[in-house]
Amino acid sequence: MIELTANDFHTLWSNHMRWAKYAIDWQEKIDEQRFEPTPKLTWKSAYWFNDDGNFLWARTYLAQANIPYEIINDTYVDEYLILTDLEYKS
C-alpha cells in the first residue's frame, strides 16, 4: 500500500484558495450554478485539480488520513474541486 502525506497532497493540486473566508463571493458563483453539486460554504479550503490522476491521489490521501472533504465539479474551469478543512501552509 502506498502511504501519502500532507506534503504529497500539496504537490497534487493546480490551484488553492481559502473557501469559508470568501463565502460571500463564492455564494454569488453558486447562485450562477458554477458548481455541481451545490457546495457547502463552511469548508476552510478549496483545491482544484486539472489532472484526473492527481485528483484521485489527493482523494486517496484525504480518505486514508480520515480528513473530511467534499467533491465538486467546477463547471467554469472544468476541473475537480475538493473542499476540506485541510489548510495549506506555505
Protein backbone atom coordinates (compact mmCIF):
# COMPACT_ATOMS: atom_id res chain seq x y z
CA MET A 1 0.00 0.00 0.00
CA ILE A 2 1.23 3.49 -0.85
CA GLU A 3 1.32 5.91 2.07
CA LEU A 4 0.65 9.51 1.14
CA THR A 5 1.49 12.52 3.29
CA ALA A 6 0.16 16.07 3.57
CA ASN A 7 3.26 17.18 1.68
CA ASP A 8 2.33 14.79 -1.14
CA PHE A 9 -1.20 16.17 -1.17
CA HIS A 10 0.07 19.71 -1.57
CA THR A 11 2.04 18.81 -4.70
CA LEU A 12 -1.05 17.50 -6.48
CA TRP A 13 -3.44 20.43 -6.79
CA SER A 14 -3.34 23.06 -9.53
CA ASN A 15 -4.92 25.90 -7.54
CA HIS A 16 -5.81 26.58 -3.92
CA MET A 17 -7.93 29.25 -2.25
CA ARG A 18 -9.48 29.89 1.10
CA TRP A 19 -13.14 28.98 0.94
CA ALA A 20 -15.15 29.98 4.02
CA LYS A 21 -13.31 33.28 4.37
CA TYR A 22 -14.72 34.34 1.00
CA ALA A 23 -18.15 32.73 1.38
CA ILE A 24 -19.96 35.85 0.18
CA ASP A 25 -18.03 35.82 -3.10
CA TRP A 26 -18.50 32.07 -3.55
CA GLN A 27 -22.23 32.33 -2.88
CA GLU A 28 -22.52 34.51 -5.97
CA LYS A 29 -20.79 31.80 -8.03
CA ILE A 30 -23.06 29.15 -6.51
CA ASP A 31 -26.09 31.22 -7.48
CA GLU A 32 -24.72 31.30 -11.04
CA GLN A 33 -24.68 27.46 -10.90
CA ARG A 34 -20.93 27.27 -11.40
CA PHE A 35 -20.59 24.22 -9.13
CA GLU A 36 -22.18 20.78 -9.30
CA PRO A 37 -23.45 19.70 -6.83
CA THR A 38 -24.01 22.79 -4.72
CA PRO A 39 -21.10 23.03 -2.26
CA LYS A 40 -21.20 23.89 1.43
CA LEU A 41 -19.67 27.23 2.34
CA THR A 42 -18.28 26.10 5.69
CA TRP A 43 -15.11 24.38 4.46
CA LYS A 44 -11.84 26.22 5.11
CA SER A 45 -10.00 25.42 1.86
CA ALA A 46 -10.65 24.73 -1.80
CA TYR A 47 -8.26 22.75 -4.00
CA TRP A 48 -8.67 22.47 -7.79
CA PHE A 49 -7.23 19.60 -9.82
CA ASN A 50 -6.61 19.81 -13.57
CA ASP A 51 -5.27 16.25 -13.70
CA ASP A 52 -7.53 13.26 -13.04
CA GLY A 53 -4.69 11.15 -11.65
CA ASN A 54 -3.64 13.85 -9.20
CA PHE A 55 -7.27 14.24 -8.15
CA LEU A 56 -7.52 10.51 -7.41
CA TRP A 57 -4.29 10.54 -5.38
CA ALA A 58 -5.45 13.58 -3.42
CA ARG A 59 -8.80 11.97 -2.66
CA THR A 60 -6.98 8.81 -1.58
CA TYR A 61 -4.80 10.78 0.82
CA LEU A 62 -7.79 12.50 2.43
CA ALA A 63 -9.63 9.20 2.81
CA GLN A 64 -6.58 7.43 4.29
CA ALA A 65 -6.00 10.30 6.73
CA ASN A 66 -9.70 10.40 7.71
CA ILE A 67 -9.92 14.06 6.70
CA PRO A 68 -13.47 15.04 5.75
CA TYR A 69 -13.92 16.50 2.27
CA GLU A 70 -16.47 17.25 -0.42
CA ILE A 71 -16.00 16.70 -4.16
CA ILE A 72 -17.42 19.29 -6.52
CA ASN A 73 -17.23 19.84 -10.27
CA ASP A 74 -16.27 23.42 -11.13
CA THR A 75 -18.02 23.85 -14.47
CA TYR A 76 -16.36 27.21 -15.12
CA VAL A 77 -12.86 25.71 -15.41
CA ASP A 78 -13.97 22.08 -15.95
CA GLU A 79 -11.89 20.80 -13.04
CA TYR A 80 -12.48 18.75 -9.94
CA LEU A 81 -12.67 20.76 -6.75
CA ILE A 82 -12.07 19.30 -3.31
CA LEU A 83 -13.36 21.27 -0.35
CA THR A 84 -11.90 20.38 3.03
CA ASP A 85 -10.70 21.82 6.32
CA LEU A 86 -7.13 20.81 5.50
CA GLU A 87 -5.28 24.09 5.17
CA TYR A 88 -2.24 24.77 3.03
CA LYS A 89 0.64 26.33 4.89
CA SER A 90 3.33 27.66 2.59
